[in-house]
Protein backbone atom coordinates (compact mmCIF):
# COMPACT_ATOMS: atom_id res chain seq x y z
CA MET A 1 -34.83 0.76 -7.50
CA PRO A 2 -35.56 4.45 -6.89
CA ARG A 3 -35.87 6.44 -10.09
CA GLN A 4 -33.30 8.97 -8.87
CA LEU A 5 -30.64 6.27 -8.72
CA THR A 6 -31.36 4.90 -12.20
CA GLU A 7 -31.12 8.38 -13.73
CA TYR A 8 -27.46 8.48 -12.72
CA ARG A 9 -26.63 5.61 -15.09
CA ARG A 10 -25.90 8.13 -17.83
CA PHE A 11 -22.77 9.36 -16.01
CA ASN A 12 -19.51 7.56 -16.63
CA LEU A 13 -17.48 6.59 -13.57
CA PRO A 14 -15.26 9.71 -13.32
CA GLU A 15 -18.29 11.98 -13.87
CA LEU A 16 -20.19 10.19 -11.12
CA ILE A 17 -17.29 10.54 -8.69
CA GLU A 18 -16.85 14.17 -9.72
CA ARG A 19 -20.44 14.91 -8.60
CA VAL A 20 -19.64 13.49 -5.16
CA VAL A 21 -16.45 15.55 -4.86
CA GLN A 22 -17.69 18.84 -6.29
CA SER A 23 -21.33 18.88 -5.19
CA SER A 24 -21.38 16.52 -2.18
CA ASP A 25 -24.05 14.65 -4.17
CA ARG A 26 -25.41 11.93 -1.89
CA ILE A 27 -27.53 10.41 -4.64
CA ALA A 28 -24.41 10.00 -6.78
CA LEU A 29 -22.62 8.44 -3.82
CA ASN A 30 -25.51 6.03 -3.18
CA HIS A 31 -25.63 5.16 -6.88
CA PHE A 32 -21.92 4.30 -6.81
CA HIS A 33 -22.33 2.00 -3.80
CA GLU A 34 -25.70 0.43 -4.57
CA VAL A 35 -25.79 0.23 -8.36
CA ARG A 36 -22.33 0.41 -9.96
CA PRO A 37 -20.53 -2.98 -10.18
CA VAL A 38 -17.15 -1.56 -11.31
CA PHE A 39 -14.85 -4.03 -9.53
CA CYS A 40 -13.76 -7.32 -11.06
CA GLY A 41 -14.22 -10.13 -8.53
CA GLU A 42 -12.23 -13.32 -8.11
CA ASN A 43 -14.49 -15.31 -10.43
CA GLY A 44 -14.53 -12.61 -13.11
CA ARG A 45 -17.95 -11.32 -12.04
CA TRP A 46 -18.43 -7.54 -11.77
CA ILE A 47 -19.21 -6.55 -8.20
CA ARG A 48 -19.77 -3.44 -6.07
CA LEU A 49 -17.34 -1.88 -3.61
CA ALA A 50 -18.60 -3.60 -0.45
CA GLU A 51 -18.44 -7.00 -2.17
CA TYR A 52 -14.92 -6.33 -3.42
CA LEU A 53 -13.78 -5.30 0.07
CA ASP A 54 -15.34 -8.48 1.41
CA GLU A 55 -13.17 -10.47 -1.01
CA LEU A 56 -10.07 -8.59 0.14
CA ARG A 57 -11.02 -9.27 3.75
CA ALA A 58 -11.52 -12.99 3.08
CA ALA A 59 -8.20 -13.24 1.22
CA ALA A 60 -6.20 -11.35 3.86
CA SER A 61 -3.61 -13.37 5.72
CA HIS A 62 -4.19 -11.30 8.87
CA ASP A 63 -6.24 -12.40 11.88
CA GLY A 64 -10.00 -12.00 11.59
CA GLU A 65 -10.32 -9.02 13.93
CA LEU A 66 -7.65 -7.03 12.07
CA ALA A 67 -9.19 -7.81 8.67
CA ASP A 68 -12.66 -6.83 9.92
CA HIS A 69 -11.37 -3.48 11.21
CA ALA A 70 -9.58 -2.86 7.89
CA TYR A 71 -12.80 -3.63 5.99
CA ASP A 72 -14.80 -1.14 8.08
CA LEU A 73 -12.18 1.59 7.84
CA THR A 74 -11.77 1.25 4.06
CA LEU A 75 -15.52 1.24 3.47
CA ASP A 76 -15.77 4.41 5.56
CA LYS A 77 -13.06 6.07 3.47
CA PHE A 78 -15.23 5.75 0.36
CA HIS A 79 -18.67 6.00 1.93
CA HIS A 80 -18.72 8.59 4.71
CA LEU A 81 -19.83 12.03 3.52
CA PRO A 82 -19.85 14.50 6.44
CA GLU A 83 -23.11 16.15 7.37
CA ALA A 84 -23.39 19.95 7.27
CA ARG A 85 -23.10 20.09 11.07
CA GLU A 86 -19.79 18.22 10.89
CA GLU A 87 -18.45 20.74 8.40
CA SER A 88 -19.49 23.63 10.65
CA GLY A 89 -16.66 22.90 13.08
CA LEU A 90 -17.98 19.97 15.10
CA LYS A 91 -15.80 16.89 15.32
CA PRO A 92 -16.47 14.64 12.26
CA ASN A 93 -17.75 11.11 12.82
CA GLY A 94 -15.45 9.56 10.24
CA PRO A 95 -13.25 10.17 7.20
CA ASP A 96 -14.39 12.40 4.33
CA CYS A 97 -14.90 10.29 1.20
CA ARG A 98 -14.44 13.39 -0.98
CA LEU A 99 -10.76 13.53 -0.04
CA TYR A 100 -10.18 9.95 -1.21
CA PHE A 101 -12.26 10.36 -4.36
CA SER A 102 -10.40 13.60 -5.13
CA ALA A 103 -7.09 11.75 -4.93
CA TYR A 104 -8.47 9.10 -7.27
CA LEU A 105 -9.61 11.71 -9.81
CA ARG A 106 -6.16 13.33 -9.77
CA HIS A 107 -4.63 9.91 -10.28
CA ILE A 108 -6.72 8.95 -13.33
CA ARG A 109 -5.94 12.24 -15.12
CA GLU A 110 -2.37 10.97 -15.48
CA PHE A 111 -3.60 7.95 -17.43
CA MET A 112 -6.49 9.28 -19.49
CA SER A 113 -5.44 9.78 -23.10
CA PRO A 114 -7.80 11.82 -25.32
CA GLU A 115 -7.32 9.18 -28.02
CA ARG A 116 -9.21 6.57 -25.98
CA ASN A 117 -12.86 5.98 -26.79
CA ALA A 118 -15.59 6.08 -24.13
CA LEU A 119 -15.51 2.33 -23.42
CA GLU A 120 -11.74 2.31 -23.05
CA LYS A 121 -11.86 5.30 -20.70
CA GLU A 122 -14.47 3.58 -18.53
CA ALA A 123 -12.40 0.39 -18.40
CA VAL A 124 -9.26 2.30 -17.42
CA ALA A 125 -11.14 4.30 -14.79
CA ALA A 126 -12.57 1.10 -13.25
CA SER A 127 -9.20 -0.67 -13.26
CA LEU A 128 -7.45 2.27 -11.61
CA LEU A 129 -10.20 2.56 -8.99
CA GLN A 130 -9.80 -1.13 -8.14
CA ARG A 131 -6.04 -0.69 -7.65
CA PHE A 132 -6.65 2.50 -5.67
CA VAL A 133 -9.14 0.82 -3.32
CA LYS A 134 -6.90 -2.22 -2.88
CA ARG A 135 -3.99 0.01 -1.91
CA HIS A 136 -6.16 1.78 0.66
CA PHE A 137 -7.31 -1.56 2.08
CA HIS A 138 -3.67 -2.43 2.78
CA LEU A 139 -3.09 1.03 4.26
CA SER A 140 -6.13 0.40 6.47
CA VAL A 141 -4.59 -2.89 7.61
CA LEU A 142 -1.46 -1.01 8.68
CA GLU A 143 -3.55 1.68 10.36
CA CYS A 144 -5.67 -0.86 12.26
CA ARG A 145 -2.58 -2.82 13.26
CA ARG A 146 -1.25 0.36 14.87
CA ARG A 147 -4.57 0.96 16.64
CA LEU A 148 -4.57 -2.57 18.03
CA ASN A 149 -0.88 -2.48 18.97
CA ARG A 150 -0.51 -2.04 22.71
CA PHE A 151 2.93 -0.46 22.20
CA THR A 152 1.65 2.54 20.18
CA SER A 153 -0.71 5.44 20.76
CA ARG A 154 -2.31 8.16 18.65
CA TYR A 155 -0.92 11.67 18.30
CA ASP A 156 -2.45 14.63 16.46
CA TRP A 157 0.20 16.91 14.97
CA ILE A 158 -1.24 20.39 14.39
CA VAL A 159 0.22 21.94 11.22
CA ASN A 160 -1.16 25.22 9.84
CA GLY A 161 -4.24 24.82 12.02
CA GLN A 162 -5.00 21.29 10.76
CA ALA A 163 -4.47 17.98 12.55
CA ILE A 164 -2.44 15.16 11.01
CA ARG A 165 -3.31 11.99 12.92
CA LEU A 166 -0.27 9.77 13.53
CA TRP A 167 0.81 6.76 15.61
CA PHE A 168 3.92 6.79 17.82
CA PRO A 169 5.60 4.31 20.17
CA LYS A 170 4.24 4.88 23.66
CA SER A 171 7.80 5.20 24.92
CA ILE A 172 7.94 8.69 23.31
CA ASN A 173 5.88 11.32 25.13
CA GLY A 174 3.79 14.06 23.53
CA ALA A 175 6.30 16.91 23.77
CA ASP A 176 9.10 14.76 22.36
CA ARG A 177 6.84 13.60 19.53
CA ARG A 178 6.35 17.14 18.29
CA LYS A 179 10.08 17.86 18.56
CA TRP A 180 10.88 14.68 16.64
CA LEU A 181 8.44 15.58 13.88
CA GLU A 182 9.76 19.14 13.57
CA VAL A 183 13.33 17.85 13.22
CA ASN A 184 12.71 14.86 10.96
CA ILE A 185 9.73 15.75 8.74
CA GLU A 186 10.53 18.21 6.00
CA ASP A 187 7.90 20.66 4.72
CA PRO A 188 4.72 19.07 6.19
CA ASP A 189 1.52 20.00 4.36
CA PRO A 190 -1.86 18.65 5.58
CA ASN A 191 -3.36 19.38 2.15
CA ARG A 192 -0.80 17.37 0.19
CA ARG A 193 -1.92 14.06 -1.29
CA ASP A 194 -1.04 11.06 0.94
CA GLU A 195 0.77 13.35 3.39
CA ARG A 196 -0.34 11.47 6.49
CA GLU A 197 0.82 8.18 4.98
CA ARG A 198 4.18 9.72 4.04
CA ILE A 199 4.80 10.98 7.57
CA GLN A 200 3.62 7.75 9.18
CA ARG A 201 6.04 5.79 6.96
CA GLU A 202 8.89 7.94 8.24
CA ILE A 203 7.84 7.29 11.85
CA ASP A 204 7.58 3.55 11.28
CA ASN A 205 10.79 3.47 9.26
CA ARG A 206 12.93 5.37 11.75
CA LEU A 207 11.37 4.48 15.09
CA GLN A 208 10.15 0.94 14.34
CA PRO A 209 7.44 0.64 17.04
CA GLN A 210 7.69 -2.36 19.33
CA ARG A 211 5.30 -5.19 18.72
CA SER A 212 4.77 -8.72 19.93
CA ILE A 213 6.29 -11.28 17.56
CA PRO A 214 5.31 -14.87 18.44
CA PHE A 215 8.41 -16.46 16.96
CA GLN A 216 10.76 -19.13 18.30
CA ASP A 217 14.07 -19.82 16.57
CA ASP A 218 14.71 -23.54 16.81
CA GLY A 219 18.22 -23.15 15.43
CA ARG A 220 17.42 -24.77 12.08
CA ASN A 221 18.60 -23.22 8.82
CA SER A 222 15.45 -24.06 6.85
CA LEU A 223 12.66 -22.01 8.44
CA TYR A 224 10.56 -21.63 5.28
CA LYS A 225 9.35 -24.12 2.69
CA ASN A 226 10.25 -21.90 -0.25
CA GLU A 227 11.11 -18.36 -1.31
CA ARG A 228 7.43 -17.37 -1.48
CA ASP A 229 6.94 -18.20 2.21
CA PHE A 230 10.10 -16.36 3.17
CA MET A 231 9.30 -13.14 1.30
CA ARG A 232 5.71 -13.13 2.57
CA SER A 233 6.90 -13.61 6.15
CA THR A 234 9.45 -10.82 5.71
CA ALA A 235 6.79 -8.44 4.44
CA GLN A 236 4.37 -9.28 7.23
CA ARG A 237 6.84 -9.19 10.11
CA LEU A 238 9.12 -6.32 9.22
CA ASN A 239 6.82 -3.40 8.42
CA VAL A 240 6.15 -3.84 4.70
CA ASP A 241 5.39 -0.19 4.10
CA GLY A 242 8.61 1.14 5.60
CA VAL A 243 10.76 -1.43 3.82
CA ALA A 244 9.05 -0.86 0.48
CA GLU A 245 9.37 2.91 0.75
CA THR A 246 13.08 2.70 1.60
CA ILE A 247 13.84 0.36 -1.31
CA ALA A 248 11.68 2.30 -3.76
CA ARG A 249 13.41 5.54 -2.83
CA GLU A 250 16.89 4.00 -3.22
CA LYS A 251 16.09 2.51 -6.62
CA CYS A 252 14.59 5.73 -7.96
CA GLU A 253 17.66 7.66 -6.79
CA SER A 254 19.99 5.28 -8.71
CA PRO A 255 18.32 4.64 -12.09
CA SER A 256 21.65 3.80 -13.75
CA GLN A 257 21.85 0.64 -11.62
CA LEU A 258 18.53 -0.69 -12.91
CA ARG A 259 18.15 -3.11 -15.79
CA PRO A 260 17.28 -1.25 -19.02
CA SER A 261 13.93 -3.06 -19.16
CA ILE A 262 13.01 -1.63 -15.71
CA ARG A 263 14.64 1.77 -16.31
CA VAL A 264 11.92 2.60 -18.85
CA LEU A 265 9.42 3.05 -16.01
CA ALA A 266 8.87 6.56 -14.70
CA ALA A 267 10.06 7.07 -11.11
CA CYS A 268 6.48 7.33 -9.79
CA ASP A 269 5.50 4.09 -11.60
CA LEU A 270 8.57 2.28 -10.24
CA GLN A 271 7.70 3.35 -6.71
CA ARG A 272 4.11 2.17 -7.14
CA LEU A 273 5.29 -1.14 -8.60
CA ILE A 274 7.62 -1.83 -5.66
CA HIS A 275 4.90 -0.98 -3.13
CA GLU A 276 2.41 -3.18 -4.98
CA ILE A 277 4.88 -6.10 -5.07
CA PHE A 278 5.43 -5.96 -1.30
CA GLU A 279 1.73 -5.47 -0.58
CA SER A 280 0.67 -8.36 -2.82
CA ILE A 281 3.22 -10.69 -1.21
CA CYS A 282 2.02 -9.64 2.23
CA SER A 283 -1.60 -10.36 1.27
CA GLU A 284 -0.68 -13.64 -0.53
CA ASP A 285 -1.98 -12.14 -3.77
CA PHE A 286 1.25 -12.01 -5.80
CA ASP A 287 0.57 -12.52 -9.51
CA ALA A 288 3.64 -11.78 -11.65
CA SER A 289 1.73 -11.83 -14.95
CA ARG A 290 -0.91 -9.39 -13.70
CA LEU A 291 1.70 -7.02 -12.28
CA ALA A 292 3.73 -7.16 -15.51
CA ARG A 293 0.66 -6.31 -17.61
CA GLY A 294 -0.27 -3.45 -15.31
CA TYR A 295 3.08 -1.75 -15.86
CA GLY A 296 3.70 -2.64 -19.49
CA LEU A 297 6.46 -5.16 -18.69
CA SER A 298 7.01 -8.68 -19.95
CA PRO A 299 6.50 -11.53 -17.43
CA SER A 300 10.18 -12.50 -17.80
CA THR A 301 11.28 -8.94 -16.96
CA LEU A 302 9.09 -8.90 -13.87
CA SER A 303 10.40 -12.33 -12.88
CA ARG A 304 14.04 -11.20 -13.13
CA PHE A 305 13.18 -8.09 -11.14
CA ALA A 306 10.98 -9.56 -8.40
CA GLY A 307 10.18 -13.24 -8.98
CA ILE A 308 9.44 -15.23 -5.83
CA GLN A 309 10.61 -18.68 -6.93
CA TRP A 310 14.18 -18.55 -8.15
CA ASP A 311 15.90 -21.67 -6.75
CA ARG A 312 15.88 -24.20 -9.59
CA GLY A 313 17.03 -27.05 -7.34
CA ASP A 314 20.19 -27.76 -9.38
CA GLY A 315 22.53 -25.69 -7.24
CA GLU A 316 22.23 -22.68 -9.56
CA THR A 317 20.51 -19.65 -8.07
CA SER A 318 19.74 -16.32 -9.74
CA ILE A 319 18.18 -14.11 -7.09
CA PRO A 320 15.93 -11.38 -8.53
CA ASP A 321 17.17 -7.80 -8.32
CA LEU A 322 14.59 -6.53 -5.85
CA TRP A 323 15.40 -9.19 -3.25
CA LEU A 324 19.13 -8.53 -3.57
CA ASN A 325 18.37 -4.89 -2.91
CA THR A 326 16.17 -5.89 0.04
CA ALA A 327 19.06 -7.86 1.54
CA ARG A 328 21.31 -4.81 1.20
CA VAL A 329 18.73 -2.63 2.94
CA PHE A 330 18.52 -5.01 5.90
CA ALA A 331 22.31 -5.27 6.07
CA HIS A 332 23.03 -1.53 5.95
CA HIS A 333 20.05 -0.03 7.83
CA PRO A 334 20.48 -0.70 11.58
CA VAL A 335 16.75 -0.36 12.32
CA PHE A 336 15.76 -3.01 9.77
CA ARG A 337 18.63 -5.31 10.75
CA GLU A 338 17.67 -5.08 14.41
CA ALA A 339 14.05 -5.87 13.53
CA ALA A 340 15.17 -8.84 11.42
CA GLU A 341 17.33 -10.17 14.26
CA GLU A 342 14.48 -9.69 16.74
CA ALA A 343 12.14 -11.64 14.47
CA GLY A 344 14.67 -14.47 14.10
CA MET A 345 15.00 -13.90 10.35
CA TRP A 346 18.53 -12.51 10.10
CA ASN A 347 20.15 -15.86 9.26
CA GLU A 348 17.78 -16.30 6.32
CA ILE A 349 18.48 -12.80 5.01
CA ARG A 350 22.23 -13.35 5.28
CA ARG A 351 21.95 -16.09 2.65
CA PHE A 352 21.39 -13.37 0.06
CA LEU A 353 24.21 -11.05 1.13
CA PRO A 354 27.13 -12.56 -0.84
CA HIS A 355 25.08 -12.10 -4.01
CA ALA A 356 23.85 -8.68 -2.95
CA GLU A 357 27.30 -7.31 -2.17
CA LYS A 358 28.50 -8.37 -5.63
CA GLY A 359 25.65 -6.47 -7.23
CA VAL A 360 24.37 -9.51 -9.13
CA GLY A 361 21.74 -8.75 -11.76
CA GLY A 362 22.28 -5.01 -11.90
CA ALA A 363 20.03 -4.37 -8.94
């Protein structure tokens, strides 16, 4: 191993990332990718970023081509450091890893308590980076799905001299796209954290791009073996990011309707939790105990809020709060209801509505 790389061992993880962000330090970046095993793998072994992304790719429920594209895009997000010529005005050859690492550094400052010792800080930094990378892998899946979707095309929205790259249904032409954005997107800022993702969610949420759905309704009531299959299929078929954002926003706007055990979460943590629940179901990686620990909740609280197996088989059903709220969203948002009907899932969702309309569980 080159001596230059080994000398960087003395930096803790945030310091190492800081050198990449502040000094465009390629040696620090190479050390992170080639030397630092800061991700916990499936078997408990500590692995590097590329190995962790390979595990996410292997575990993805998406087709192989989509998962491969998502792997490449996510690796680029944390690996590509533009050359000087790219920064001089020429078109860049890929994303700028400093932007993603900067967002990560801002994120960990919210969690770093001065009372923690050095080992605890390193453990927290590694855990948060793993969650951060996993989230961006799922965002990459959504991005690649749009790229591969024959019903959508790319559009660069120029705001304050900077381009925000977005995906629109092909049925909307370029001039109308700009008009739609100017009317529907409030206070756009290319420099704001996750701004592109925020705007893309609004496009997906409100315009619901067409897509091929290979589904045939055979008229039977029982389309899914259990609740886990149903919720995963819902997340995969009906634009998980748009649904999650809508529900998260509604819950944060009505904290008095939450259970006291959930109300203790800050609004930003509640939003992250809801997104992570939907993403983990979509990727078949739902682990209630792990999610509960990550947000300081008890497993029973998480189960009442978003458990995925609630039918006890004795005729008694207590549907978790989040899924009651999801049923309400599909019932009262025409875009989501239309998508559910198109996918042949409306009859399944209607099973929840009598409970949802009664407000069972304080959802």
